[in-house]
Amino acid sequence: MKKALQAGLTKLKTRAASISALILGTVLAPSAFAITAPAAGSFAFDLYDVAVNEVLLGAPGFVGAVIIMVVSAVNLTRNWVLSIAGLLGGVILINADTITASMGMIV
């Protein structure tokens, strides 16, 4: 019984140490996650250009965000939790370029 308790305590300490290291690394290095838009001709510029500039900032991203927000507003009385999630998703889609740059998309 005592050995099992010690093994469980050791597992708990290991898990707590790994979670603490993850939180500490995330808090201490927020600027390491942010990116700037890649320069023309650099690695994966075409992918970034199509994904962010053409889709998210272009007409497909805006129309998708508006459709999500309208459908969420219409369904507000049926399921308000999903409607709020849809409204937040639409706002996130409209501000996707800012979120991409601040949260850090690996390119």
PDB file of N, CA and C in Angstrom:
ATOM      1  N   MET A   1       0.828  -1.191   0.000  1.00  0.00           N
ATOM      2  CA  MET A   1       0.000   0.000   0.000  1.00  0.00           C
ATOM      3  C   MET A   1       0.869   1.249   0.000  1.00  0.00           C
ATOM      4  N   LYS A   2       1.939   1.209   0.799  1.00  0.00           N
ATOM      5  CA  LYS A   2       2.807   2.370   0.910  1.00  0.00           C
ATOM      6  C   LYS A   2       3.562   2.619  -0.396  1.00  0.00           C
ATOM      7  N   LYS A   3       3.978   1.526  -1.070  1.00  0.00           N
ATOM      8  CA  LYS A   3       4.687   1.674  -2.346  1.00  0.00           C
ATOM      9  C   LYS A   3       3.774   2.252  -3.416  1.00  0.00           C
ATOM     10  N   ALA A   4       2.533   1.831  -3.442  1.00  0.00           N
ATOM     11  CA  ALA A   4       1.577   2.342  -4.421  1.00  0.00           C
ATOM     12  C   ALA A   4       1.317   3.827  -4.190  1.00  0.00           C
ATOM     13  N   LEU A   5       1.233   4.228  -2.937  1.00  0.00           N
ATOM     14  CA  LEU A   5       1.028   5.633  -2.597  1.00  0.00           C
ATOM     15  C   LEU A   5       2.230   6.471  -3.023  1.00  0.00           C
ATOM     16  N   GLN A   6       3.431   5.951  -2.804  1.00  0.00           N
ATOM     17  CA  GLN A   6       4.634   6.672  -3.206  1.00  0.00           C
ATOM     18  C   GLN A   6       4.735   6.766  -4.728  1.00  0.00           C
ATOM     19  N   ALA A   7       4.358   5.718  -5.433  1.00  0.00           N
ATOM     20  CA  ALA A   7       4.385   5.740  -6.893  1.00  0.00           C
ATOM     21  C   ALA A   7       3.389   6.762  -7.441  1.00  0.00           C
ATOM     22  N   GLY A   8       2.220   6.804  -6.834  1.00  0.00           N
ATOM     23  CA  GLY A   8       1.210   7.785  -7.249  1.00  0.00           C
ATOM     24  C   GLY A   8       1.668   9.204  -6.972  1.00  0.00           C
ATOM     25  N   LEU A   9       2.317   9.415  -5.844  1.00  0.00           N
ATOM     26  CA  LEU A   9       2.830  10.737  -5.492  1.00  0.00           C
ATOM     27  C   LEU A   9       3.944  11.157  -6.447  1.00  0.00           C
ATOM     28  N   THR A  10       4.791  10.227  -6.833  1.00  0.00           N
ATOM     29  CA  THR A  10       5.861  10.522  -7.782  1.00  0.00           C
ATOM     30  C   THR A  10       5.280  10.907  -9.142  1.00  0.00           C
ATOM     31  N   LYS A  11       4.235  10.192  -9.581  1.00  0.00           N
ATOM     32  CA  LYS A  11       3.563  10.513 -10.839  1.00  0.00           C
ATOM     33  C   LYS A  11       2.943  11.908 -10.790  1.00  0.00           C
ATOM     34  N   LEU A  12       2.328  12.219  -9.664  1.00  0.00           N
ATOM     35  CA  LEU A  12       1.692  13.523  -9.492  1.00  0.00           C
ATOM     36  C   LEU A  12       2.727  14.642  -9.519  1.00  0.00           C
ATOM     37  N   LYS A  13       3.868  14.438  -8.880  1.00  0.00           N
ATOM     38  CA  LYS A  13       4.927  15.445  -8.881  1.00  0.00           C
ATOM     39  C   LYS A  13       5.479  15.647 -10.290  1.00  0.00           C
ATOM     40  N   THR A  14       5.647  14.564 -11.024  1.00  0.00           N
ATOM     41  CA  THR A  14       6.149  14.659 -12.397  1.00  0.00           C
ATOM     42  C   THR A  14       5.166  15.417 -13.276  1.00  0.00           C
ATOM     43  N   ARG A  15       3.908  15.101 -13.135  1.00  0.00           N
ATOM     44  CA  ARG A  15       2.876  15.772 -13.925  1.00  0.00           C
ATOM     45  C   ARG A  15       2.796  17.250 -13.571  1.00  0.00           C
ATOM     46  N   ALA A  16       2.864  17.573 -12.284  1.00  0.00           N
ATOM     47  CA  ALA A  16       2.813  18.971 -11.852  1.00  0.00           C
ATOM     48  C   ALA A  16       4.031  19.741 -12.357  1.00  0.00           C
ATOM     49  N   ALA A  17       5.196  19.095 -12.360  1.00  0.00           N
ATOM     50  CA  ALA A  17       6.403  19.758 -12.850  1.00  0.00           C
ATOM     51  C   ALA A  17       6.315  20.019 -14.347  1.00  0.00           C
ATOM     52  N   SER A  18       5.772  19.088 -15.112  1.00  0.00           N
ATOM     53  CA  SER A  18       5.670  19.302 -16.554  1.00  0.00           C
ATOM     54  C   SER A  18       4.644  20.380 -16.893  1.00  0.00           C
ATOM     55  N   ILE A  19       3.538  20.421 -16.176  1.00  0.00           N
ATOM     56  CA  ILE A  19       2.535  21.465 -16.384  1.00  0.00           C
ATOM     57  C   ILE A  19       3.101  22.824 -16.000  1.00  0.00           C
ATOM     58  N   SER A  20       3.833  22.883 -14.902  1.00  0.00           N
ATOM     59  CA  SER A  20       4.450  24.139 -14.481  1.00  0.00           C
ATOM     60  C   SER A  20       5.459  24.627 -15.503  1.00  0.00           C
ATOM     61  N   ALA A  21       6.240  23.722 -16.064  1.00  0.00           N
ATOM     62  CA  ALA A  21       7.221  24.102 -17.087  1.00  0.00           C
ATOM     63  C   ALA A  21       6.523  24.621 -18.337  1.00  0.00           C
ATOM     64  N   LEU A  22       5.424  24.007 -18.722  1.00  0.00           N
ATOM     65  CA  LEU A  22       4.674  24.451 -19.884  1.00  0.00           C
ATOM     66  C   LEU A  22       4.095  25.848 -19.667  1.00  0.00           C
ATOM     67  N   ILE A  23       3.500  26.076 -18.524  1.00  0.00           N
ATOM     68  CA  ILE A  23       2.930  27.385 -18.209  1.00  0.00           C
ATOM     69  C   ILE A  23       4.022  28.443 -18.133  1.00  0.00           C
ATOM     70  N   LEU A  24       5.124  28.121 -17.499  1.00  0.00           N
ATOM     71  CA  LEU A  24       6.231  29.064 -17.364  1.00  0.00           C
ATOM     72  C   LEU A  24       6.809  29.414 -18.729  1.00  0.00           C
ATOM     73  N   GLY A  25       6.965  28.429 -19.588  1.00  0.00           N
ATOM     74  CA  GLY A  25       7.473  28.689 -20.932  1.00  0.00           C
ATOM     75  C   GLY A  25       6.530  29.539 -21.756  1.00  0.00           C
ATOM     76  N   THR A  26       5.243  29.339 -21.584  1.00  0.00           N
ATOM     77  CA  THR A  26       4.259  30.124 -22.319  1.00  0.00           C
ATOM     78  C   THR A  26       4.213  31.560 -21.826  1.00  0.00           C
ATOM     79  N   VAL A  27       4.336  31.758 -20.533  1.00  0.00           N
ATOM     80  CA  VAL A  27       4.265  33.099 -19.959  1.00  0.00           C
ATOM     81  C   VAL A  27       5.527  33.896 -20.257  1.00  0.00           C
ATOM     82  N   LEU A  28       6.674  33.257 -20.211  1.00  0.00           N
ATOM     83  CA  LEU A  28       7.927  33.982 -20.361  1.00  0.00           C
ATOM     84  C   LEU A  28       8.292  34.285 -21.808  1.00  0.00           C
ATOM     85  N   ALA A  29       7.725  33.605 -22.765  1.00  0.00           N
ATOM     86  CA  ALA A  29       8.122  33.813 -24.153  1.00  0.00           C
ATOM     87  C   ALA A  29       6.956  34.131 -25.079  1.00  0.00           C
ATOM     88  N   PRO A  30       6.105  35.117 -24.763  1.00  0.00           N
ATOM     89  CA  PRO A  30       4.983  35.393 -25.659  1.00  0.00           C
ATOM     90  C   PRO A  30       5.416  36.012 -26.981  1.00  0.00           C
ATOM     91  N   SER A  31       6.516  36.756 -26.980  1.00  0.00           N
ATOM     92  CA  SER A  31       6.942  37.379 -28.232  1.00  0.00           C
ATOM     93  C   SER A  31       7.510  36.355 -29.206  1.00  0.00           C
ATOM     94  N   ALA A  32       7.881  35.202 -28.716  1.00  0.00           N
ATOM     95  CA  ALA A  32       8.411  34.169 -29.601  1.00  0.00           C
ATOM     96  C   ALA A  32       7.315  33.554 -30.459  1.00  0.00           C
ATOM     97  N   PHE A  33       6.061  33.695 -30.069  1.00  0.00           N
ATOM     98  CA  PHE A  33       4.965  33.115 -30.823  1.00  0.00           C
ATOM     99  C   PHE A  33       4.457  34.036 -31.926  1.00  0.00           C
ATOM    100  N   ALA A  34       4.681  35.341 -31.808  1.00  0.00           N
ATOM    101  CA  ALA A  34       4.175  36.285 -32.794  1.00  0.00           C
ATOM    102  C   ALA A  34       5.049  36.271 -34.040  1.00  0.00           C
ATOM    103  N   ILE A  35       4.421  36.511 -35.179  1.00  0.00           N
ATOM    104  CA  ILE A  35       5.161  36.552 -36.438  1.00  0.00           C
ATOM    105  C   ILE A  35       4.815  37.823 -37.177  1.00  0.00           C
ATOM    106  N   THR A  36       5.629  38.164 -38.132  1.00  0.00           N
ATOM    107  CA  THR A  36       5.296  39.206 -39.080  1.00  0.00           C
ATOM    108  C   THR A  36       5.044  38.518 -40.416  1.00  0.00           C
ATOM    109  N   ALA A  37       4.381  39.209 -41.276  1.00  0.00           N
ATOM    110  CA  ALA A  37       4.097  38.619 -42.586  1.00  0.00           C
ATOM    111  C   ALA A  37       5.411  38.349 -43.306  1.00  0.00           C
ATOM    112  N   PRO A  38       5.547  37.193 -43.917  1.00  0.00           N
ATOM    113  CA  PRO A  38       6.799  36.889 -44.611  1.00  0.00           C
ATOM    114  C   PRO A  38       7.002  37.806 -45.817  1.00  0.00           C
ATOM    115  N   ALA A  39       8.241  38.088 -46.112  1.00  0.00           N
ATOM    116  CA  ALA A  39       8.571  38.937 -47.250  1.00  0.00           C
ATOM    117  C   ALA A  39       8.375  38.156 -48.547  1.00  0.00           C
ATOM    118  N   ALA A  40       8.137  38.887 -49.608  1.00  0.00           N
ATOM    119  CA  ALA A  40       7.939  38.250 -50.909  1.00  0.00           C
ATOM    120  C   ALA A  40       9.178  37.455 -51.299  1.00  0.00           C
ATOM    121  N   GLY A  41       8.968  36.230 -51.717  1.00  0.00           N
ATOM    122  CA  GLY A  41      10.068  35.375 -52.118  1.00  0.00           C
ATOM    123  C   GLY A  41      10.624  34.511 -51.002  1.00  0.00           C
ATOM    124  N   SER A  42      10.194  34.735 -49.778  1.00  0.00           N
ATOM    125  CA  SER A  42      10.700  33.916 -48.677  1.00  0.00           C
ATOM    126  C   SER A  42       9.937  32.598 -48.614  1.00  0.00           C
ATOM    127  N   PHE A  43      10.368  31.751 -47.686  1.00  0.00           N
ATOM    128  CA  PHE A  43       9.771  30.430 -47.532  1.00  0.00           C
ATOM    129  C   PHE A  43       8.291  30.545 -47.187  1.00  0.00           C
ATOM    130  N   ALA A  44       7.460  29.865 -47.913  1.00  0.00           N
ATOM    131  CA  ALA A  44       6.015  29.764 -47.693  1.00  0.00           C
ATOM    132  C   ALA A  44       5.283  31.087 -47.839  1.00  0.00           C
ATOM    133  N   PHE A  45       5.859  32.047 -48.565  1.00  0.00           N
ATOM    134  CA  PHE A  45       5.151  33.311 -48.780  1.00  0.00           C
ATOM    135  C   PHE A  45       3.871  33.096 -49.577  1.00  0.00           C
ATOM    136  N   ASP A  46       3.943  32.232 -50.591  1.00  0.00           N
ATOM    137  CA  ASP A  46       2.755  31.988 -51.413  1.00  0.00           C
ATOM    138  C   ASP A  46       1.627  31.374 -50.593  1.00  0.00           C
ATOM    139  N   LEU A  47       1.973  30.452 -49.712  1.00  0.00           N
ATOM    140  CA  LEU A  47       0.964  29.844 -48.841  1.00  0.00           C
ATOM    141  C   LEU A  47       0.338  30.886 -47.915  1.00  0.00           C
ATOM    142  N   TYR A  48       1.171  31.725 -47.317  1.00  0.00           N
ATOM    143  CA  TYR A  48       0.672  32.785 -46.436  1.00  0.00           C
ATOM    144  C   TYR A  48      -0.187  33.761 -47.228  1.00  0.00           C
ATOM    145  N   ASP A  49       0.263  34.115 -48.423  1.00  0.00           N
ATOM    146  CA  ASP A  49      -0.460  35.082 -49.245  1.00  0.00           C
ATOM    147  C   ASP A  49      -1.846  34.575 -49.594  1.00  0.00           C
ATOM    148  N   VAL A  50      -1.940  33.321 -49.995  1.00  0.00           N
ATOM    149  CA  VAL A  50      -3.245  32.768 -50.368  1.00  0.00           C
ATOM    150  C   VAL A  50      -4.128  32.585 -49.137  1.00  0.00           C
ATOM    151  N   ALA A  51      -3.564  31.988 -48.093  1.00  0.00           N
ATOM    152  CA  ALA A  51      -4.379  31.664 -46.910  1.00  0.00           C
ATOM    153  C   ALA A  51      -4.848  32.903 -46.163  1.00  0.00           C
ATOM    154  N   VAL A  52      -3.959  33.843 -45.945  1.00  0.00           N
ATOM    155  CA  VAL A  52      -4.318  35.004 -45.123  1.00  0.00           C
ATOM    156  C   VAL A  52      -4.841  36.155 -45.971  1.00  0.00           C
ATOM    157  N   ASN A  53      -4.065  36.581 -46.960  1.00  0.00           N
ATOM    158  CA  ASN A  53      -4.449  37.773 -47.721  1.00  0.00           C
ATOM    159  C   ASN A  53      -5.624  37.534 -48.659  1.00  0.00           C
ATOM    160  N   GLU A  54      -5.649  36.398 -49.333  1.00  0.00           N
ATOM    161  CA  GLU A  54      -6.707  36.162 -50.317  1.00  0.00           C
ATOM    162  C   GLU A  54      -7.987  35.598 -49.698  1.00  0.00           C
ATOM    163  N   VAL A  55      -7.842  34.667 -48.753  1.00  0.00           N
ATOM    164  CA  VAL A  55      -9.035  34.017 -48.204  1.00  0.00           C
ATOM    165  C   VAL A  55      -9.534  34.731 -46.947  1.00  0.00           C
ATOM    166  N   LEU A  56      -8.695  34.841 -45.918  1.00  0.00           N
ATOM    167  CA  LEU A  56      -9.162  35.418 -44.656  1.00  0.00           C
ATOM    168  C   LEU A  56      -9.476  36.900 -44.764  1.00  0.00           C
ATOM    169  N   LEU A  57      -8.629  37.655 -45.453  1.00  0.00           N
ATOM    170  CA  LEU A  57      -8.857  39.092 -45.579  1.00  0.00           C
ATOM    171  C   LEU A  57      -9.705  39.450 -46.787  1.00  0.00           C
ATOM    172  N   GLY A  58      -9.903  38.500 -47.669  1.00  0.00           N
ATOM    173  CA  GLY A  58     -10.655  38.764 -48.888  1.00  0.00           C
ATOM    174  C   GLY A  58     -12.146  38.514 -48.713  1.00  0.00           C
ATOM    175  N   ALA A  59     -12.808  38.434 -49.843  1.00  0.00           N
ATOM    176  CA  ALA A  59     -14.250  38.250 -49.856  1.00  0.00           C
ATOM    177  C   ALA A  59     -14.712  36.936 -49.220  1.00  0.00           C
ATOM    178  N   PRO A  60     -14.027  35.789 -49.455  1.00  0.00           N
ATOM    179  CA  PRO A  60     -14.515  34.553 -48.827  1.00  0.00           C
ATOM    180  C   PRO A  60     -14.530  34.611 -47.302  1.00  0.00           C
ATOM    181  N   GLY A  61     -13.518  35.197 -46.712  1.00  0.00           N
ATOM    182  CA  GLY A  61     -13.470  35.304 -45.257  1.00  0.00           C
ATOM    183  C   GLY A  61     -14.545  36.227 -44.706  1.00  0.00           C
ATOM    184  N   PHE A  62     -14.750  37.357 -45.361  1.00  0.00           N
ATOM    185  CA  PHE A  62     -15.766  38.304 -44.896  1.00  0.00           C
ATOM    186  C   PHE A  62     -17.164  37.731 -45.054  1.00  0.00           C
ATOM    187  N   VAL A  63     -17.442  37.143 -46.215  1.00  0.00           N
ATOM    188  CA  VAL A  63     -18.773  36.570 -46.448  1.00  0.00           C
ATOM    189  C   VAL A  63     -19.033  35.417 -45.480  1.00  0.00           C
ATOM    190  N   GLY A  64     -18.019  34.581 -45.265  1.00  0.00           N
ATOM    191  CA  GLY A  64     -18.181  33.488 -44.305  1.00  0.00           C
ATOM    192  C   GLY A  64     -18.462  33.986 -42.903  1.00  0.00           C
ATOM    193  N   ALA A  65     -17.754  35.043 -42.493  1.00  0.00           N
ATOM    194  CA  ALA A  65     -17.973  35.596 -41.156  1.00  0.00           C
ATOM    195  C   ALA A  65     -19.364  36.191 -41.019  1.00  0.00           C
ATOM    196  N   VAL A  66     -19.819  36.899 -42.034  1.00  0.00           N
ATOM    197  CA  VAL A  66     -21.156  37.491 -41.984  1.00  0.00           C
ATOM    198  C   VAL A  66     -22.223  36.409 -41.952  1.00  0.00           C
ATOM    199  N   ILE A  67     -22.066  35.370 -42.757  1.00  0.00           N
ATOM    200  CA  ILE A  67     -23.044  34.271 -42.765  1.00  0.00           C
ATOM    201  C   ILE A  67     -23.087  33.586 -41.403  1.00  0.00           C
ATOM    202  N   ILE A  68     -21.929  33.336 -40.833  1.00  0.00           N
ATOM    203  CA  ILE A  68     -21.890  32.699 -39.503  1.00  0.00           C
ATOM    204  C   ILE A  68     -22.597  33.562 -38.475  1.00  0.00           C
ATOM    205  N   MET A  69     -22.355  34.879 -38.501  1.00  0.00           N
ATOM    206  CA  MET A  69     -22.973  35.758 -37.501  1.00  0.00           C
ATOM    207  C   MET A  69     -24.471  35.897 -37.715  1.00  0.00           C
ATOM    208  N   VAL A  70     -24.931  35.941 -38.964  1.00  0.00           N
ATOM    209  CA  VAL A  70     -26.377  36.052 -39.229  1.00  0.00           C
ATOM    210  C   VAL A  70     -27.093  34.781 -38.798  1.00  0.00           C
ATOM    211  N   VAL A  71     -26.549  33.623 -39.156  1.00  0.00           N
ATOM    212  CA  VAL A  71     -27.167  32.359 -38.753  1.00  0.00           C
ATOM    213  C   VAL A  71     -27.183  32.230 -37.230  1.00  0.00           C
ATOM    214  N   SER A  72     -26.126  32.651 -36.587  1.00  0.00           N
ATOM    215  CA  SER A  72     -26.080  32.597 -35.124  1.00  0.00           C
ATOM    216  C   SER A  72     -27.103  33.530 -34.502  1.00  0.00           C
ATOM    217  N   ALA A  73     -27.254  34.710 -35.059  1.00  0.00           N
ATOM    218  CA  ALA A  73     -28.243  35.655 -34.523  1.00  0.00           C
ATOM    219  C   ALA A  73     -29.659  35.133 -34.718  1.00  0.00           C
ATOM    220  N   VAL A  74     -29.933  34.490 -35.852  1.00  0.00           N
ATOM    221  CA  VAL A  74     -31.266  33.946 -36.108  1.00  0.00           C
ATOM    222  C   VAL A  74     -31.574  32.805 -35.141  1.00  0.00           C
ATOM    223  N   ASN A  75     -30.584  31.982 -34.835  1.00  0.00           N
ATOM    224  CA  ASN A  75     -30.789  30.832 -33.955  1.00  0.00           C
ATOM    225  C   ASN A  75     -30.551  31.143 -32.477  1.00  0.00           C
ATOM    226  N   LEU A  76     -30.524  32.404 -32.123  1.00  0.00           N
ATOM    227  CA  LEU A  76     -30.235  32.792 -30.746  1.00  0.00           C
ATOM    228  C   LEU A  76     -31.275  32.261 -29.756  1.00  0.00           C
ATOM    229  N   THR A  77     -32.537  32.214 -30.164  1.00  0.00           N
ATOM    230  CA  THR A  77     -33.576  31.746 -29.251  1.00  0.00           C
ATOM    231  C   THR A  77     -33.588  30.231 -29.096  1.00  0.00           C
ATOM    232  N   ARG A  78     -33.103  29.497 -30.092  1.00  0.00           N
ATOM    233  CA  ARG A  78     -33.086  28.037 -30.012  1.00  0.00           C
ATOM    234  C   ARG A  78     -31.984  27.526 -29.095  1.00  0.00           C
ATOM    235  N   ASN A  79     -30.772  27.972 -29.353  1.00  0.00           N
ATOM    236  CA  ASN A  79     -29.636  27.498 -28.558  1.00  0.00           C
ATOM    237  C   ASN A  79     -28.673  28.666 -28.399  1.00  0.00           C
ATOM    238  N   TRP A  80     -28.798  29.368 -27.297  1.00  0.00           N
ATOM    239  CA  TRP A  80     -28.035  30.594 -27.127  1.00  0.00           C
ATOM    240  C   TRP A  80     -26.540  30.327 -26.950  1.00  0.00           C
ATOM    241  N   VAL A  81     -26.166  29.162 -26.435  1.00  0.00           N
ATOM    242  CA  VAL A  81     -24.738  28.863 -26.243  1.00  0.00           C
ATOM    243  C   VAL A  81     -24.041  28.707 -27.603  1.00  0.00           C
ATOM    244  N   LEU A  82     -24.647  27.935 -28.499  1.00  0.00           N
ATOM    245  CA  LEU A  82     -24.068  27.780 -29.833  1.00  0.00           C
ATOM    246  C   LEU A  82     -24.123  29.083 -30.615  1.00  0.00           C
ATOM    247  N   SER A  83     -25.146  29.901 -30.382  1.00  0.00           N
ATOM    248  CA  SER A  83     -25.236  31.183 -31.073  1.00  0.00           C
ATOM    249  C   SER A  83     -24.126  32.126 -30.647  1.00  0.00           C
ATOM    250  N   ILE A  84     -23.834  32.147 -29.370  1.00  0.00           N
ATOM    251  CA  ILE A  84     -22.733  32.995 -28.884  1.00  0.00           C
ATOM    252  C   ILE A  84     -21.407  32.485 -29.433  1.00  0.00           C
ATOM    253  N   ALA A  85     -21.248  31.179 -29.477  1.00  0.00           N
ATOM    254  CA  ALA A  85     -20.034  30.609 -30.057  1.00  0.00           C
ATOM    255  C   ALA A  85     -19.920  30.972 -31.537  1.00  0.00           C
ATOM    256  N   GLY A  86     -21.020  30.962 -32.256  1.00  0.00           N
ATOM    257  CA  GLY A  86     -21.007  31.352 -33.665  1.00  0.00           C
ATOM    258  C   GLY A  86     -20.680  32.821 -33.858  1.00  0.00           C
ATOM    259  N   LEU A  87     -21.234  33.670 -32.997  1.00  0.00           N
ATOM    260  CA  LEU A  87     -20.915  35.097 -33.079  1.00  0.00           C
ATOM    261  C   LEU A  87     -19.437  35.341 -32.795  1.00  0.00           C
ATOM    262  N   LEU A  88     -18.898  34.666 -31.796  1.00  0.00           N
ATOM    263  CA  LEU A  88     -17.467  34.804 -31.509  1.00  0.00           C
ATOM    264  C   LEU A  88     -16.626  34.275 -32.665  1.00  0.00           C
ATOM    265  N   GLY A  89     -17.069  33.178 -33.272  1.00  0.00           N
ATOM    266  CA  GLY A  89     -16.352  32.644 -34.425  1.00  0.00           C
ATOM    267  C   GLY A  89     -16.352  33.609 -35.600  1.00  0.00           C
ATOM    268  N   GLY A  90     -17.470  34.287 -35.831  1.00  0.00           N
ATOM    269  CA  GLY A  90     -17.526  35.282 -36.901  1.00  0.00           C
ATOM    270  C   GLY A  90     -16.595  36.453 -36.639  1.00  0.00           C
ATOM    271  N   VAL A  91     -16.562  36.908 -35.401  1.00  0.00           N
ATOM    272  CA  VAL A  91     -15.654  38.009 -35.037  1.00  0.00           C
ATOM    273  C   VAL A  91     -14.204  37.575 -35.192  1.00  0.00           C
ATOM    274  N   ILE A  92     -13.910  36.352 -34.787  1.00  0.00           N
ATOM    275  CA  ILE A  92     -12.542  35.840 -34.937  1.00  0.00           C
ATOM    276  C   ILE A  92     -12.176  35.737 -36.406  1.00  0.00           C
ATOM    277  N   LEU A  93     -13.111  35.324 -37.243  1.00  0.00           N
ATOM    278  CA  LEU A  93     -12.842  35.214 -38.676  1.00  0.00           C
ATOM    279  C   LEU A  93     -12.605  36.582 -39.308  1.00  0.00           C
ATOM    280  N   ILE A  94     -13.343  37.590 -38.876  1.00  0.00           N
ATOM    281  CA  ILE A  94     -13.123  38.939 -39.407  1.00  0.00           C
ATOM    282  C   ILE A  94     -11.764  39.477 -38.973  1.00  0.00           C
ATOM    283  N   ASN A  95     -11.342  39.182 -37.742  1.00  0.00           N
ATOM    284  CA  ASN A  95     -10.059  39.667 -37.222  1.00  0.00           C
ATOM    285  C   ASN A  95      -8.950  38.635 -37.348  1.00  0.00           C
ATOM    286  N   ALA A  96      -9.065  37.735 -38.286  1.00  0.00           N
ATOM    287  CA  ALA A  96      -8.117  36.621 -38.381  1.00  0.00           C
ATOM    288  C   ALA A  96      -6.692  37.073 -38.671  1.00  0.00           C
ATOM    289  N   ASP A  97      -6.512  38.143 -39.438  1.00  0.00           N
ATOM    290  CA  ASP A  97      -5.156  38.591 -39.740  1.00  0.00           C
ATOM    291  C   ASP A  97      -4.447  39.097 -38.501  1.00  0.00           C
ATOM    292  N   THR A  98      -5.157  39.825 -37.658  1.00  0.00           N
ATOM    293  CA  THR A  98      -4.570  40.316 -36.416  1.00  0.00           C
ATOM    294  C   THR A  98      -4.268  39.165 -35.470  1.00  0.00           C
ATOM    295  N   ILE A  99      -5.186  38.218 -35.387  1.00  0.00           N
ATOM    296  CA  ILE A  99      -4.988  37.063 -34.513  1.00  0.00           C
ATOM    297  C   ILE A  99      -3.837  36.208 -35.024  1.00  0.00           C
ATOM    298  N   THR A 100      -3.743  36.061 -36.335  1.00  0.00           N
ATOM    299  CA  THR A 100      -2.652  35.278 -36.906  1.00  0.00           C
ATOM    300  C   THR A 100      -1.304  35.887 -36.558  1.00  0.00           C
ATOM    301  N   ALA A 101      -1.202  37.198 -36.647  1.00  0.00           N
ATOM    302  CA  ALA A 101       0.067  37.860 -36.355  1.00  0.00           C
ATOM    303  C   ALA A 101       0.372  37.875 -34.861  1.00  0.00           C
ATOM    304  N   SER A 102      -0.648  38.019 -34.016  1.00  0.00           N
ATOM    305  CA  SER A 102      -0.370  38.130 -32.571  1.00  0.00           C
ATOM    306  C   SER A 102      -0.199  36.780 -31.882  1.00  0.00           C
ATOM    307  N   MET A 103      -0.992  35.783 -32.287  1.00  0.00           N
ATOM    308  CA  MET A 103      -0.886  34.470 -31.639  1.00  0.00           C
ATOM    309  C   MET A 103       0.228  33.625 -32.224  1.00  0.00           C
ATOM    310  N   GLY A 104       0.584  33.885 -33.449  1.00  0.00           N
ATOM    311  CA  GLY A 104       1.718  33.193 -34.025  1.00  0.00           C
ATOM    312  C   GLY A 104       1.349  31.989 -34.857  1.00  0.00           C
ATOM    313  N   MET A 105       1.228  32.194 -36.140  1.00  0.00           N
ATOM    314  CA  MET A 105       1.030  31.076 -37.058  1.00  0.00           C
ATOM    315  C   MET A 105       2.383  30.683 -37.596  1.00  0.00           C
ATOM    316  N   ILE A 106       2.746  29.448 -37.478  1.00  0.00           N
ATOM    317  CA  ILE A 106       4.056  28.999 -37.934  1.00  0.00           C
ATOM    318  C   ILE A 106       4.037  28.887 -39.446  1.00  0.00           C
ATOM    319  N   VAL A 107       4.877  29.657 -40.095  1.00  0.00           N
ATOM    320  CA  VAL A 107       4.937  29.653 -41.560  1.00  0.00           C
ATOM    321  C   VAL A 107       6.250  29.072 -41.988  1.00  0.00           C
TER     322      VAL A 107
END
